[in-house]
Amino acid sequence: MHIVDILFLDEFELVVSTDDDYFNQAVKPTMIMFPNPLGKNNSLIFLFEGVKTTQEIKLKIYNVKGQLVQVLSDASQGPKNQIEWDGTTANGKNVGSGIYFVRAEFLDHDGHRCSLYEKFVVLK
């Protein structure tokens, strides 16, 4: 039985668990983005840790209205666990300044389906 209670305190995460296996996991899946905010002559780099490297990572980027702007995959790019976005839509147009959201979909080291969500800013 896997019992976990998670309490969020500002930027910190406190995990209380009665399951010893929870603390024996290799690495908690994380996504790092830089630079944030994204400038007009930059690309946004997404780095992943704790992700099964043999599986595809898919990113879906949304604008503040919830409209899908772009879908990216590491299968079409260079190194695994890293995705680069040039700030364009699926139609190849540059996005405008504003707040955007990204959803990353992948498998963790144990093969469980995971999603991570983050927000970032584009300044043009």
PDB file of N, CA and C in Angstrom:
ATOM      1  N   MET A   1       0.844  -1.176   0.000  1.00  0.00           N
ATOM      2  CA  MET A   1       0.000   0.000   0.000  1.00  0.00           C
ATOM      3  C   MET A   1       0.890   1.240   0.000  1.00  0.00           C
ATOM      4  N   HIS A   2       0.565   2.202  -0.815  1.00  0.00           N
ATOM      5  CA  HIS A   2       1.368   3.410  -0.962  1.00  0.00           C
ATOM      6  C   HIS A   2       0.580   4.593  -0.411  1.00  0.00           C
ATOM      7  N   ILE A   3       0.968   5.058   0.758  1.00  0.00           N
ATOM      8  CA  ILE A   3       0.264   6.164   1.407  1.00  0.00           C
ATOM      9  C   ILE A   3       1.211   7.348   1.472  1.00  0.00           C
ATOM     10  N   VAL A   4       0.839   8.438   0.835  1.00  0.00           N
ATOM     11  CA  VAL A   4       1.685   9.618   0.841  1.00  0.00           C
ATOM     12  C   VAL A   4       0.808  10.850   1.011  1.00  0.00           C
ATOM     13  N   ASP A   5       1.193  11.698   1.915  1.00  0.00           N
ATOM     14  CA  ASP A   5       0.540  12.994   2.076  1.00  0.00           C
ATOM     15  C   ASP A   5       1.549  14.062   1.689  1.00  0.00           C
ATOM     16  N   ILE A   6       1.144  14.998   0.849  1.00  0.00           N
ATOM     17  CA  ILE A   6       2.037  16.068   0.430  1.00  0.00           C
ATOM     18  C   ILE A   6       1.438  17.394   0.853  1.00  0.00           C
ATOM     19  N   LEU A   7       2.250  18.198   1.499  1.00  0.00           N
ATOM     20  CA  LEU A   7       1.846  19.520   1.963  1.00  0.00           C
ATOM     21  C   LEU A   7       2.752  20.544   1.303  1.00  0.00           C
ATOM     22  N   PHE A   8       2.170  21.520   0.592  1.00  0.00           N
ATOM     23  CA  PHE A   8       2.956  22.549  -0.076  1.00  0.00           C
ATOM     24  C   PHE A   8       3.007  23.796   0.781  1.00  0.00           C
ATOM     25  N   LEU A   9       4.217  24.294   1.013  1.00  0.00           N
ATOM     26  CA  LEU A   9       4.434  25.499   1.782  1.00  0.00           C
ATOM     27  C   LEU A   9       5.262  26.449   0.930  1.00  0.00           C
ATOM     28  N   ASP A  10       4.627  27.447   0.344  1.00  0.00           N
ATOM     29  CA  ASP A  10       5.292  28.410  -0.534  1.00  0.00           C
ATOM     30  C   ASP A  10       6.102  27.669  -1.590  1.00  0.00           C
ATOM     31  N   GLU A  11       7.425  27.815  -1.582  1.00  0.00           N
ATOM     32  CA  GLU A  11       8.283  27.195  -2.586  1.00  0.00           C
ATOM     33  C   GLU A  11       8.789  25.823  -2.133  1.00  0.00           C
ATOM     34  N   PHE A  12       8.422  25.392  -0.937  1.00  0.00           N
ATOM     35  CA  PHE A  12       8.948  24.151  -0.409  1.00  0.00           C
ATOM     36  C   PHE A  12       7.886  23.070  -0.429  1.00  0.00           C
ATOM     37  N   GLU A  13       8.323  21.854  -0.516  1.00  0.00           N
ATOM     38  CA  GLU A  13       7.418  20.721  -0.515  1.00  0.00           C
ATOM     39  C   GLU A  13       7.786  19.810   0.652  1.00  0.00           C
ATOM     40  N   LEU A  14       6.862  19.566   1.530  1.00  0.00           N
ATOM     41  CA  LEU A  14       7.071  18.678   2.658  1.00  0.00           C
ATOM     42  C   LEU A  14       6.350  17.374   2.357  1.00  0.00           C
ATOM     43  N   VAL A  15       7.069  16.267   2.379  1.00  0.00           N
ATOM     44  CA  VAL A  15       6.481  14.972   2.074  1.00  0.00           C
ATOM     45  C   VAL A  15       6.485  14.129   3.330  1.00  0.00           C
ATOM     46  N   VAL A  16       5.329  13.637   3.690  1.00  0.00           N
ATOM     47  CA  VAL A  16       5.193  12.747   4.832  1.00  0.00           C
ATOM     48  C   VAL A  16       4.658  11.428   4.302  1.00  0.00           C
ATOM     49  N   SER A  17       5.358  10.327   4.588  1.00  0.00           N
ATOM     50  CA  SER A  17       4.965   9.056   4.006  1.00  0.00           C
ATOM     51  C   SER A  17       5.164   7.931   5.016  1.00  0.00           C
ATOM     52  N   THR A  18       4.335   6.914   4.876  1.00  0.00           N
ATOM     53  CA  THR A  18       4.512   5.699   5.674  1.00  0.00           C
ATOM     54  C   THR A  18       5.100   4.590   4.813  1.00  0.00           C
ATOM     55  N   ASP A  19       5.441   4.901   3.575  1.00  0.00           N
ATOM     56  CA  ASP A  19       5.945   3.913   2.633  1.00  0.00           C
ATOM     57  C   ASP A  19       7.435   4.154   2.402  1.00  0.00           C
ATOM     58  N   ASP A  20       8.304   3.241   2.884  1.00  0.00           N
ATOM     59  CA  ASP A  20       9.751   3.400   2.735  1.00  0.00           C
ATOM     60  C   ASP A  20      10.191   3.411   1.272  1.00  0.00           C
ATOM     61  N   ASP A  21       9.461   2.717   0.386  1.00  0.00           N
ATOM     62  CA  ASP A  21       9.834   2.681  -1.027  1.00  0.00           C
ATOM     63  C   ASP A  21       9.732   4.052  -1.670  1.00  0.00           C
ATOM     64  N   TYR A  22       8.890   4.912  -1.139  1.00  0.00           N
ATOM     65  CA  TYR A  22       8.743   6.255  -1.708  1.00  0.00           C
ATOM     66  C   TYR A  22      10.069   7.006  -1.663  1.00  0.00           C
ATOM     67  N   PHE A  23      10.830   6.825  -0.602  1.00  0.00           N
ATOM     68  CA  PHE A  23      12.089   7.543  -0.448  1.00  0.00           C
ATOM     69  C   PHE A  23      13.248   6.851  -1.150  1.00  0.00           C
ATOM     70  N   ASN A  24      13.037   5.640  -1.653  1.00  0.00           N
ATOM     71  CA  ASN A  24      14.089   4.916  -2.350  1.00  0.00           C
ATOM     72  C   ASN A  24      14.040   5.113  -3.863  1.00  0.00           C
ATOM     73  N   GLN A  25      13.169   5.967  -4.352  1.00  0.00           N
ATOM     74  CA  GLN A  25      13.102   6.228  -5.784  1.00  0.00           C
ATOM     75  C   GLN A  25      14.390   6.894  -6.233  1.00  0.00           C
ATOM     76  N   ALA A  26      14.775   6.643  -7.488  1.00  0.00           N
ATOM     77  CA  ALA A  26      16.040   7.159  -8.007  1.00  0.00           C
ATOM     78  C   ALA A  26      16.084   8.683  -7.961  1.00  0.00           C
ATOM     79  N   VAL A  27      15.245   9.342  -8.710  1.00  0.00           N
ATOM     80  CA  VAL A  27      15.215  10.798  -8.774  1.00  0.00           C
ATOM     81  C   VAL A  27      13.787  11.223  -9.044  1.00  0.00           C
ATOM     82  N   LYS A  28      13.333  12.240  -8.341  1.00  0.00           N
ATOM     83  CA  LYS A  28      12.005  12.773  -8.597  1.00  0.00           C
ATOM     84  C   LYS A  28      12.035  13.498  -9.945  1.00  0.00           C
ATOM     85  N   PRO A  29      11.114  13.210 -10.863  1.00  0.00           N
ATOM     86  CA  PRO A  29      11.122  13.874 -12.161  1.00  0.00           C
ATOM     87  C   PRO A  29      11.000  15.393 -12.011  1.00  0.00           C
ATOM     88  N   THR A  30      11.895  16.113 -12.687  1.00  0.00           N
ATOM     89  CA  THR A  30      11.869  17.566 -12.662  1.00  0.00           C
ATOM     90  C   THR A  30      12.123  18.119 -14.061  1.00  0.00           C
ATOM     91  N   MET A  31      11.651  19.352 -14.270  1.00  0.00           N
ATOM     92  CA  MET A  31      11.870  20.052 -15.532  1.00  0.00           C
ATOM     93  C   MET A  31      12.477  21.410 -15.207  1.00  0.00           C
ATOM     94  N   ILE A  32      13.578  21.734 -15.879  1.00  0.00           N
ATOM     95  CA  ILE A  32      14.243  23.024 -15.712  1.00  0.00           C
ATOM     96  C   ILE A  32      14.165  23.757 -17.042  1.00  0.00           C
ATOM     97  N   MET A  33      13.796  25.044 -17.005  1.00  0.00           N
ATOM     98  CA  MET A  33      13.712  25.857 -18.215  1.00  0.00           C
ATOM     99  C   MET A  33      14.637  27.050 -18.084  1.00  0.00           C
ATOM    100  N   PHE A  34      15.297  27.396 -19.186  1.00  0.00           N
ATOM    101  CA  PHE A  34      16.097  28.618 -19.187  1.00  0.00           C
ATOM    102  C   PHE A  34      16.290  29.078 -20.622  1.00  0.00           C
ATOM    103  N   PRO A  35      16.428  30.357 -20.906  1.00  0.00           N
ATOM    104  CA  PRO A  35      16.228  31.461 -19.951  1.00  0.00           C
ATOM    105  C   PRO A  35      14.738  31.717 -19.743  1.00  0.00           C
ATOM    106  N   ASN A  36      14.394  32.178 -18.595  1.00  0.00           N
ATOM    107  CA  ASN A  36      13.016  32.557 -18.284  1.00  0.00           C
ATOM    108  C   ASN A  36      13.075  33.895 -17.563  1.00  0.00           C
ATOM    109  N   PRO A  37      12.714  34.981 -18.211  1.00  0.00           N
ATOM    110  CA  PRO A  37      11.904  35.090 -19.421  1.00  0.00           C
ATOM    111  C   PRO A  37      12.714  34.855 -20.701  1.00  0.00           C
ATOM    112  N   LEU A  38      11.989  34.439 -21.731  1.00  0.00           N
ATOM    113  CA  LEU A  38      12.559  34.216 -23.049  1.00  0.00           C
ATOM    114  C   LEU A  38      12.583  35.530 -23.811  1.00  0.00           C
ATOM    115  N   GLY A  39      13.759  35.920 -24.317  1.00  0.00           N
ATOM    116  CA  GLY A  39      13.901  37.145 -25.103  1.00  0.00           C
ATOM    117  C   GLY A  39      13.656  36.894 -26.581  1.00  0.00           C
ATOM    118  N   LYS A  40      13.730  37.951 -27.376  1.00  0.00           N
ATOM    119  CA  LYS A  40      13.361  37.810 -28.785  1.00  0.00           C
ATOM    120  C   LYS A  40      14.401  37.081 -29.631  1.00  0.00           C
ATOM    121  N   ASN A  41      15.636  37.004 -29.224  1.00  0.00           N
ATOM    122  CA  ASN A  41      16.651  36.318 -30.020  1.00  0.00           C
ATOM    123  C   ASN A  41      17.163  35.050 -29.345  1.00  0.00           C
ATOM    124  N   ASN A  42      16.398  34.505 -28.437  1.00  0.00           N
ATOM    125  CA  ASN A  42      16.813  33.317 -27.689  1.00  0.00           C
ATOM    126  C   ASN A  42      15.912  32.137 -28.014  1.00  0.00           C
ATOM    127  N   SER A  43      16.376  30.965 -27.625  1.00  0.00           N
ATOM    128  CA  SER A  43      15.556  29.758 -27.605  1.00  0.00           C
ATOM    129  C   SER A  43      15.402  29.346 -26.150  1.00  0.00           C
ATOM    130  N   LEU A  44      14.284  28.738 -25.844  1.00  0.00           N
ATOM    131  CA  LEU A  44      14.029  28.237 -24.496  1.00  0.00           C
ATOM    132  C   LEU A  44      14.463  26.779 -24.446  1.00  0.00           C
ATOM    133  N   ILE A  45      15.301  26.438 -23.474  1.00  0.00           N
ATOM    134  CA  ILE A  45      15.795  25.074 -23.307  1.00  0.00           C
ATOM    135  C   ILE A  45      15.051  24.429 -22.144  1.00  0.00           C
ATOM    136  N   PHE A  46      14.540  23.230 -22.367  1.00  0.00           N
ATOM    137  CA  PHE A  46      13.889  22.436 -21.323  1.00  0.00           C
ATOM    138  C   PHE A  46      14.797  21.242 -21.033  1.00  0.00           C
ATOM    139  N   LEU A  47      15.216  21.099 -19.786  1.00  0.00           N
ATOM    140  CA  LEU A  47      16.040  19.969 -19.350  1.00  0.00           C
ATOM    141  C   LEU A  47      15.229  19.122 -18.386  1.00  0.00           C
ATOM    142  N   PHE A  48      15.388  17.811 -18.479  1.00  0.00           N
ATOM    143  CA  PHE A  48      14.616  16.886 -17.648  1.00  0.00           C
ATOM    144  C   PHE A  48      15.538  15.985 -16.856  1.00  0.00           C
ATOM    145  N   GLU A  49      15.148  15.735 -15.615  1.00  0.00           N
ATOM    146  CA  GLU A  49      15.878  14.853 -14.719  1.00  0.00           C
ATOM    147  C   GLU A  49      14.882  13.858 -14.141  1.00  0.00           C
ATOM    148  N   GLY A  50      15.301  12.620 -13.958  1.00  0.00           N
ATOM    149  CA  GLY A  50      14.416  11.608 -13.400  1.00  0.00           C
ATOM    150  C   GLY A  50      13.437  11.055 -14.412  1.00  0.00           C
ATOM    151  N   VAL A  51      13.793  11.165 -15.699  1.00  0.00           N
ATOM    152  CA  VAL A  51      12.932  10.706 -16.783  1.00  0.00           C
ATOM    153  C   VAL A  51      13.601   9.518 -17.455  1.00  0.00           C
ATOM    154  N   LYS A  52      12.823   8.524 -17.800  1.00  0.00           N
ATOM    155  CA  LYS A  52      13.354   7.344 -18.473  1.00  0.00           C
ATOM    156  C   LYS A  52      13.871   7.760 -19.853  1.00  0.00           C
ATOM    157  N   THR A  53      15.175   7.609 -20.086  1.00  0.00           N
ATOM    158  CA  THR A  53      15.792   8.156 -21.294  1.00  0.00           C
ATOM    159  C   THR A  53      15.434   7.403 -22.563  1.00  0.00           C
ATOM    160  N   THR A  54      14.905   6.200 -22.445  1.00  0.00           N
ATOM    161  CA  THR A  54      14.553   5.449 -23.646  1.00  0.00           C
ATOM    162  C   THR A  54      13.155   5.805 -24.149  1.00  0.00           C
ATOM    163  N   GLN A  55      12.447   6.622 -23.431  1.00  0.00           N
ATOM    164  CA  GLN A  55      11.092   6.994 -23.814  1.00  0.00           C
ATOM    165  C   GLN A  55      11.043   8.427 -24.326  1.00  0.00           C
ATOM    166  N   GLU A  56      10.052   8.711 -25.133  1.00  0.00           N
ATOM    167  CA  GLU A  56       9.876  10.041 -25.689  1.00  0.00           C
ATOM    168  C   GLU A  56       9.349  11.014 -24.638  1.00  0.00           C
ATOM    169  N   ILE A  57       9.854  12.243 -24.689  1.00  0.00           N
ATOM    170  CA  ILE A  57       9.320  13.331 -23.882  1.00  0.00           C
ATOM    171  C   ILE A  57       8.551  14.236 -24.829  1.00  0.00           C
ATOM    172  N   LYS A  58       7.317  14.551 -24.486  1.00  0.00           N
ATOM    173  CA  LYS A  58       6.504  15.417 -25.333  1.00  0.00           C
ATOM    174  C   LYS A  58       6.148  16.674 -24.554  1.00  0.00           C
ATOM    175  N   LEU A  59       6.325  17.831 -25.195  1.00  0.00           N
ATOM    176  CA  LEU A  59       5.956  19.116 -24.597  1.00  0.00           C
ATOM    177  C   LEU A  59       4.777  19.710 -25.351  1.00  0.00           C
ATOM    178  N   LYS A  60       3.827  20.230 -24.597  1.00  0.00           N
ATOM    179  CA  LYS A  60       2.717  20.977 -25.180  1.00  0.00           C
ATOM    180  C   LYS A  60       2.748  22.369 -24.570  1.00  0.00           C
ATOM    181  N   ILE A  61       2.838  23.380 -25.436  1.00  0.00           N
ATOM    182  CA  ILE A  61       2.931  24.760 -24.988  1.00  0.00           C
ATOM    183  C   ILE A  61       1.601  25.450 -25.274  1.00  0.00           C
ATOM    184  N   TYR A  62       1.073  26.127 -24.235  1.00  0.00           N
ATOM    185  CA  TYR A  62      -0.227  26.798 -24.319  1.00  0.00           C
ATOM    186  C   TYR A  62      -0.063  28.284 -24.013  1.00  0.00           C
ATOM    187  N   ASN A  63      -0.915  29.103 -24.629  1.00  0.00           N
ATOM    188  CA  ASN A  63      -0.939  30.524 -24.272  1.00  0.00           C
ATOM    189  C   ASN A  63      -1.849  30.724 -23.064  1.00  0.00           C
ATOM    190  N   VAL A  64      -1.991  31.956 -22.626  1.00  0.00           N
ATOM    191  CA  VAL A  64      -2.762  32.247 -21.414  1.00  0.00           C
ATOM    192  C   VAL A  64      -4.262  31.972 -21.608  1.00  0.00           C
ATOM    193  N   LYS A  65      -4.715  31.905 -22.857  1.00  0.00           N
ATOM    194  CA  LYS A  65      -6.115  31.579 -23.160  1.00  0.00           C
ATOM    195  C   LYS A  65      -6.371  30.075 -23.148  1.00  0.00           C
ATOM    196  N   GLY A  66      -5.305  29.294 -22.992  1.00  0.00           N
ATOM    197  CA  GLY A  66      -5.444  27.841 -22.999  1.00  0.00           C
ATOM    198  C   GLY A  66      -5.371  27.236 -24.386  1.00  0.00           C
ATOM    199  N   GLN A  67      -5.009  28.030 -25.380  1.00  0.00           N
ATOM    200  CA  GLN A  67      -4.894  27.538 -26.748  1.00  0.00           C
ATOM    201  C   GLN A  67      -3.539  26.870 -26.953  1.00  0.00           C
ATOM    202  N   LEU A  68      -3.554  25.715 -27.617  1.00  0.00           N
ATOM    203  CA  LEU A  68      -2.313  25.002 -27.897  1.00  0.00           C
ATOM    204  C   LEU A  68      -1.500  25.785 -28.926  1.00  0.00           C
ATOM    205  N   VAL A  69      -0.268  26.121 -28.576  1.00  0.00           N
ATOM    206  CA  VAL A  69       0.605  26.926 -29.428  1.00  0.00           C
ATOM    207  C   VAL A  69       1.578  26.041 -30.212  1.00  0.00           C
ATOM    208  N   GLN A  70       2.163  25.041 -29.541  1.00  0.00           N
ATOM    209  CA  GLN A  70       3.193  24.217 -30.167  1.00  0.00           C
ATOM    210  C   GLN A  70       3.291  22.887 -29.443  1.00  0.00           C
ATOM    211  N   VAL A  71       3.620  21.831 -30.185  1.00  0.00           N
ATOM    212  CA  VAL A  71       3.907  20.518 -29.611  1.00  0.00           C
ATOM    213  C   VAL A  71       5.330  20.160 -30.028  1.00  0.00           C
ATOM    214  N   LEU A  72       6.153  19.806 -29.050  1.00  0.00           N
ATOM    215  CA  LEU A  72       7.551  19.460 -29.301  1.00  0.00           C
ATOM    216  C   LEU A  72       7.847  18.080 -28.729  1.00  0.00           C
ATOM    217  N   SER A  73       8.866  17.437 -29.284  1.00  0.00           N
ATOM    218  CA  SER A  73       9.259  16.119 -28.815  1.00  0.00           C
ATOM    219  C   SER A  73      10.775  16.004 -28.867  1.00  0.00           C
ATOM    220  N   ASP A  74      11.349  15.297 -27.906  1.00  0.00           N
ATOM    221  CA  ASP A  74      12.800  15.093 -27.927  1.00  0.00           C
ATOM    222  C   ASP A  74      13.196  14.055 -28.972  1.00  0.00           C
ATOM    223  N   ALA A  75      12.228  13.324 -29.509  1.00  0.00           N
ATOM    224  CA  ALA A  75      12.533  12.323 -30.532  1.00  0.00           C
ATOM    225  C   ALA A  75      13.036  12.993 -31.809  1.00  0.00           C
ATOM    226  N   SER A  76      12.607  14.228 -32.047  1.00  0.00           N
ATOM    227  CA  SER A  76      13.005  14.939 -33.258  1.00  0.00           C
ATOM    228  C   SER A  76      14.200  15.860 -33.017  1.00  0.00           C
ATOM    229  N   GLN A  77      14.730  15.873 -31.808  1.00  0.00           N
ATOM    230  CA  GLN A  77      15.846  16.759 -31.480  1.00  0.00           C
ATOM    231  C   GLN A  77      17.051  15.945 -31.036  1.00  0.00           C
ATOM    232  N   GLY A  78      18.106  16.632 -30.664  1.00  0.00           N
ATOM    233  CA  GLY A  78      19.385  16.007 -30.325  1.00  0.00           C
ATOM    234  C   GLY A  78      19.363  15.132 -29.091  1.00  0.00           C
ATOM    235  N   PRO A  79      20.047  15.586 -28.022  1.00  0.00           N
ATOM    236  CA  PRO A  79      20.214  14.733 -26.838  1.00  0.00           C
ATOM    237  C   PRO A  79      18.890  14.440 -26.142  1.00  0.00           C
ATOM    238  N   LYS A  80      18.812  13.245 -25.607  1.00  0.00           N
ATOM    239  CA  LYS A  80      17.628  12.877 -24.825  1.00  0.00           C
ATOM    240  C   LYS A  80      17.550  13.736 -23.570  1.00  0.00           C
ATOM    241  N   ASN A  81      16.352  13.945 -23.087  1.00  0.00           N
ATOM    242  CA  ASN A  81      16.086  14.709 -21.865  1.00  0.00           C
ATOM    243  C   ASN A  81      16.376  16.191 -22.040  1.00  0.00           C
ATOM    244  N   GLN A  82      16.431  16.657 -23.283  1.00  0.00           N
ATOM    245  CA  GLN A  82      16.589  18.085 -23.542  1.00  0.00           C
ATOM    246  C   GLN A  82      15.792  18.451 -24.787  1.00  0.00           C
ATOM    247  N   ILE A  83      14.984  19.522 -24.675  1.00  0.00           N
ATOM    248  CA  ILE A  83      14.185  20.006 -25.802  1.00  0.00           C
ATOM    249  C   ILE A  83      14.393  21.501 -25.922  1.00  0.00           C
ATOM    250  N   GLU A  84      14.555  21.967 -27.155  1.00  0.00           N
ATOM    251  CA  GLU A  84      14.741  23.389 -27.410  1.00  0.00           C
ATOM    252  C   GLU A  84      13.535  23.917 -28.184  1.00  0.00           C
ATOM    253  N   TRP A  85      13.045  25.095 -27.766  1.00  0.00           N
ATOM    254  CA  TRP A  85      11.919  25.743 -28.443  1.00  0.00           C
ATOM    255  C   TRP A  85      12.357  27.115 -28.913  1.00  0.00           C
ATOM    256  N   ASP A  86      12.115  27.408 -30.166  1.00  0.00           N
ATOM    257  CA  ASP A  86      12.558  28.666 -30.765  1.00  0.00           C
ATOM    258  C   ASP A  86      11.541  29.803 -30.647  1.00  0.00           C
ATOM    259  N   GLY A  87      10.470  29.591 -29.927  1.00  0.00           N
ATOM    260  CA  GLY A  87       9.487  30.656 -29.716  1.00  0.00           C
ATOM    261  C   GLY A  87       8.507  30.817 -30.850  1.00  0.00           C
ATOM    262  N   THR A  88       8.305  29.753 -31.638  1.00  0.00           N
ATOM    263  CA  THR A  88       7.356  29.821 -32.742  1.00  0.00           C
ATOM    264  C   THR A  88       6.159  28.915 -32.505  1.00  0.00           C
ATOM    265  N   THR A  89       5.083  29.216 -33.219  1.00  0.00           N
ATOM    266  CA  THR A  89       3.872  28.395 -33.162  1.00  0.00           C
ATOM    267  C   THR A  89       4.032  27.190 -34.081  1.00  0.00           C
ATOM    268  N   ALA A  90       3.029  26.332 -34.111  1.00  0.00           N
ATOM    269  CA  ALA A  90       3.039  25.182 -35.011  1.00  0.00           C
ATOM    270  C   ALA A  90       3.056  25.634 -36.470  1.00  0.00           C
ATOM    271  N   ASN A  91       2.576  26.859 -36.750  1.00  0.00           N
ATOM    272  CA  ASN A  91       2.570  27.415 -38.111  1.00  0.00           C
ATOM    273  C   ASN A  91       3.858  28.145 -38.459  1.00  0.00           C
ATOM    274  N   GLY A  92       4.821  28.196 -37.533  1.00  0.00           N
ATOM    275  CA  GLY A  92       6.095  28.844 -37.789  1.00  0.00           C
ATOM    276  C   GLY A  92       6.127  30.337 -37.501  1.00  0.00           C
ATOM    277  N   LYS A  93       5.062  30.869 -36.923  1.00  0.00           N
ATOM    278  CA  LYS A  93       5.021  32.300 -36.582  1.00  0.00           C
ATOM    279  C   LYS A  93       5.593  32.515 -35.183  1.00  0.00           C
ATOM    280  N   ASN A  94       6.253  33.650 -34.981  1.00  0.00           N
ATOM    281  CA  ASN A  94       6.768  33.980 -33.654  1.00  0.00           C
ATOM    282  C   ASN A  94       5.620  34.271 -32.702  1.00  0.00           C
ATOM    283  N   VAL A  95       5.733  33.785 -31.463  1.00  0.00           N
ATOM    284  CA  VAL A  95       4.705  34.078 -30.465  1.00  0.00           C
ATOM    285  C   VAL A  95       4.918  35.491 -29.939  1.00  0.00           C
ATOM    286  N   GLY A  96       3.865  36.076 -29.407  1.00  0.00           N
ATOM    287  CA  GLY A  96       3.956  37.406 -28.835  1.00  0.00           C
ATOM    288  C   GLY A  96       4.390  37.369 -27.377  1.00  0.00           C
ATOM    289  N   SER A  97       4.638  38.531 -26.842  1.00  0.00           N
ATOM    290  CA  SER A  97       4.979  38.637 -25.420  1.00  0.00           C
ATOM    291  C   SER A  97       3.807  38.170 -24.580  1.00  0.00           C
ATOM    292  N   GLY A  98       4.102  37.555 -23.454  1.00  0.00           N
ATOM    293  CA  GLY A  98       3.037  37.114 -22.558  1.00  0.00           C
ATOM    294  C   GLY A  98       3.458  35.942 -21.706  1.00  0.00           C
ATOM    295  N   ILE A  99       2.485  35.419 -20.994  1.00  0.00           N
ATOM    296  CA  ILE A  99       2.679  34.261 -20.126  1.00  0.00           C
ATOM    297  C   ILE A  99       2.245  33.019 -20.888  1.00  0.00           C
ATOM    298  N   TYR A 100       3.072  31.980 -20.809  1.00  0.00           N
ATOM    299  CA  TYR A 100       2.783  30.711 -21.470  1.00  0.00           C
ATOM    300  C   TYR A 100       2.927  29.582 -20.454  1.00  0.00           C
ATOM    301  N   PHE A 101       2.294  28.467 -20.771  1.00  0.00           N
ATOM    302  CA  PHE A 101       2.326  27.295 -19.904  1.00  0.00           C
ATOM    303  C   PHE A 101       2.826  26.108 -20.711  1.00  0.00           C
ATOM    304  N   VAL A 102       3.577  25.246 -20.063  1.00  0.00           N
ATOM    305  CA  VAL A 102       4.093  24.060 -20.729  1.00  0.00           C
ATOM    306  C   VAL A 102       3.683  22.827 -19.926  1.00  0.00           C
ATOM    307  N   ARG A 103       3.292  21.794 -20.653  1.00  0.00           N
ATOM    308  CA  ARG A 103       2.978  20.498 -20.046  1.00  0.00           C
ATOM    309  C   ARG A 103       3.933  19.482 -20.653  1.00  0.00           C
ATOM    310  N   ALA A 104       4.711  18.832 -19.816  1.00  0.00           N
ATOM    311  CA  ALA A 104       5.644  17.793 -20.259  1.00  0.00           C
ATOM    312  C   ALA A 104       5.041  16.433 -19.915  1.00  0.00           C
ATOM    313  N   GLU A 105       5.035  15.532 -20.893  1.00  0.00           N
ATOM    314  CA  GLU A 105       4.505  14.178 -20.696  1.00  0.00           C
ATOM    315  C   GLU A 105       5.628  13.178 -20.964  1.00  0.00           C
ATOM    316  N   PHE A 106       5.810  12.212 -20.060  1.00  0.00           N
ATOM    317  CA  PHE A 106       6.911  11.255 -20.179  1.00  0.00           C
ATOM    318  C   PHE A 106       6.685  10.106 -19.210  1.00  0.00           C
ATOM    319  N   LEU A 107       7.605   9.137 -19.228  1.00  0.00           N
ATOM    320  CA  LEU A 107       7.603   8.034 -18.268  1.00  0.00           C
ATOM    321  C   LEU A 107       8.738   8.254 -17.284  1.00  0.00           C
ATOM    322  N   ASP A 108       8.470   7.979 -15.993  1.00  0.00           N
ATOM    323  CA  ASP A 108       9.545   8.086 -15.007  1.00  0.00           C
ATOM    324  C   ASP A 108      10.403   6.813 -15.056  1.00  0.00           C
ATOM    325  N   HIS A 109      11.386   6.703 -14.145  1.00  0.00           N
ATOM    326  CA  HIS A 109      12.305   5.551 -14.155  1.00  0.00           C
ATOM    327  C   HIS A 109      11.591   4.225 -13.936  1.00  0.00           C
ATOM    328  N   ASP A 110      10.432   4.258 -13.273  1.00  0.00           N
ATOM    329  CA  ASP A 110       9.685   3.030 -13.020  1.00  0.00           C
ATOM    330  C   ASP A 110       8.680   2.733 -14.117  1.00  0.00           C
ATOM    331  N   GLY A 111       8.633   3.565 -15.156  1.00  0.00           N
ATOM    332  CA  GLY A 111       7.712   3.346 -16.262  1.00  0.00           C
ATOM    333  C   GLY A 111       6.320   3.912 -16.038  1.00  0.00           C
ATOM    334  N   HIS A 112       6.150   4.722 -14.997  1.00  0.00           N
ATOM    335  CA  HIS A 112       4.851   5.341 -14.741  1.00  0.00           C
ATOM    336  C   HIS A 112       4.697   6.604 -15.576  1.00  0.00           C
ATOM    337  N   ARG A 113       3.514   6.814 -16.132  1.00  0.00           N
ATOM    338  CA  ARG A 113       3.234   8.008 -16.932  1.00  0.00           C
ATOM    339  C   ARG A 113       3.176   9.223 -16.019  1.00  0.00           C
ATOM    340  N   CYS A 114       3.912  10.277 -16.390  1.00  0.00           N
ATOM    341  CA  CYS A 114       3.986  11.492 -15.577  1.00  0.00           C
ATOM    342  C   CYS A 114       3.724  12.722 -16.432  1.00  0.00           C
ATOM    343  N   SER A 115       3.285  13.770 -15.772  1.00  0.00           N
ATOM    344  CA  SER A 115       3.139  15.082 -16.392  1.00  0.00           C
ATOM    345  C   SER A 115       3.682  16.126 -15.431  1.00  0.00           C
ATOM    346  N   LEU A 116       4.404  17.099 -15.982  1.00  0.00           N
ATOM    347  CA  LEU A 116       4.874  18.249 -15.220  1.00  0.00           C
ATOM    348  C   LEU A 116       4.329  19.500 -15.882  1.00  0.00           C
ATOM    349  N   TYR A 117       4.006  20.502 -15.080  1.00  0.00           N
ATOM    350  CA  TYR A 117       3.466  21.755 -15.586  1.00  0.00           C
ATOM    351  C   TYR A 117       4.312  22.910 -15.065  1.00  0.00           C
ATOM    352  N   GLU A 118       4.597  23.861 -15.933  1.00  0.00           N
ATOM    353  CA  GLU A 118       5.330  25.060 -15.540  1.00  0.00           C
ATOM    354  C   GLU A 118       4.800  26.251 -16.339  1.00  0.00           C
ATOM    355  N   LYS A 119       5.095  27.437 -15.859  1.00  0.00           N
ATOM    356  CA  LYS A 119       4.768  28.633 -16.626  1.00  0.00           C
ATOM    357  C   LYS A 119       6.054  29.387 -16.908  1.00  0.00           C
ATOM    358  N   PHE A 120       6.042  30.152 -17.996  1.00  0.00           N
ATOM    359  CA  PHE A 120       7.197  30.974 -18.349  1.00  0.00           C
ATOM    360  C   PHE A 120       6.715  32.217 -19.067  1.00  0.00           C
ATOM    361  N   VAL A 121       7.622  33.163 -19.223  1.00  0.00           N
ATOM    362  CA  VAL A 121       7.295  34.463 -19.803  1.00  0.00           C
ATOM    363  C   VAL A 121       8.095  34.648 -21.096  1.00  0.00           C
ATOM    364  N   VAL A 122       7.427  35.204 -22.102  1.00  0.00           N
ATOM    365  CA  VAL A 122       8.094  35.604 -23.335  1.00  0.00           C
ATOM    366  C   VAL A 122       8.044  37.128 -23.398  1.00  0.00           C
ATOM    367  N   LEU A 123       9.221  37.746 -23.573  1.00  0.00           N
ATOM    368  CA  LEU A 123       9.323  39.205 -23.719  1.00  0.00           C
ATOM    369  C   LEU A 123       9.952  39.489 -25.076  1.00  0.00           C
ATOM    370  N   LYS A 124       9.214  40.144 -25.927  1.00  0.00           N
ATOM    371  CA  LYS A 124       9.716  40.463 -27.291  1.00  0.00           C
ATOM    372  C   LYS A 124       9.934  41.938 -27.451  1.00  0.00           C
TER     373      LYS A 124
END
